[in-house]
Amino acid sequence: MTWKQLLTSSLGKKYLMGATGFFLIIYLIVHASVNALIFYDDNGATFNVVAHFMLHNYFIRFLEIGLFAVFILHIVQGLMLWKQNTSARKINYYRQNFPREIKWYSRYMGWLGTFILLFLVLHLYNFWAGTKHELYFKGPSNDLYKEMKKVFTSPLLFTLYMLGLVSLLFHLLQGFQSAFQTFGINNRRWIPIVRRIGIFYSIIICIVFALMPIAFMAGWLQ
């Protein structure tokens, strides 16, 4: 398969979606693990040390470029597949009779992906853009933990983050299994196992992310 076919053919788009999906699945584990350091009872000291290391390490900053490329590729390919699948349907999407095994969220992956994109923009604005601006123009912030607390104790931002995490949960429930199926893991023996792992992964990741704003809003963390 040529690069052009990989980017334009239906099969190529699915492979790219699967490959970038695997990358993002791993990234979410790392991201959740680093952020979960706020739960150390040290007023954010441990989190700040690790966050500053991630911010100043040149290798991490180089990987960040690749991460953005993967995000963009995953989003663009997802929207293209959604548009392609929608255009190919002869029957109105909302009037089709879907089999019971096809969950409702798998039929709305495009919309869920769109909500997650908006959530990602909000997240980057609140946490990424500010730290980069301070790093390159003002000098690094000394208390990233305090900045996180400021964001998550805002009722509006707290609500938007919770809605974004709900969208992420349903997106992962479908996307985790789809990524494996794309690369041929779709027989009767493995599919139930992959589905269970996907459900466990999706719920745990979203709970960890959700506990962060909840902990600040509830006053569990100072």
Foldseek 3Di string as FASTA:
>chain_A
DDPVCLLPPPLSLLLLLLVLLVVVLVVLVVVLVLVLVLPPQPQCPSSLVVVVCCVPPVVNVVVVVVNVVSVVSNLVSVLVNLVVVCVPDPDHLVPDDDDPVCDPLNSVLNVLSVLLVVVVVVVCVQQVVVQVCCVVPPNGDRHSVVSLLVQLQPPVSVVSNLVSLVSQLSNQLPSQLSSVVSVPQDDPVRSVVSNVVSNVSSVVSSVSVNVSSVCSNVVVRD
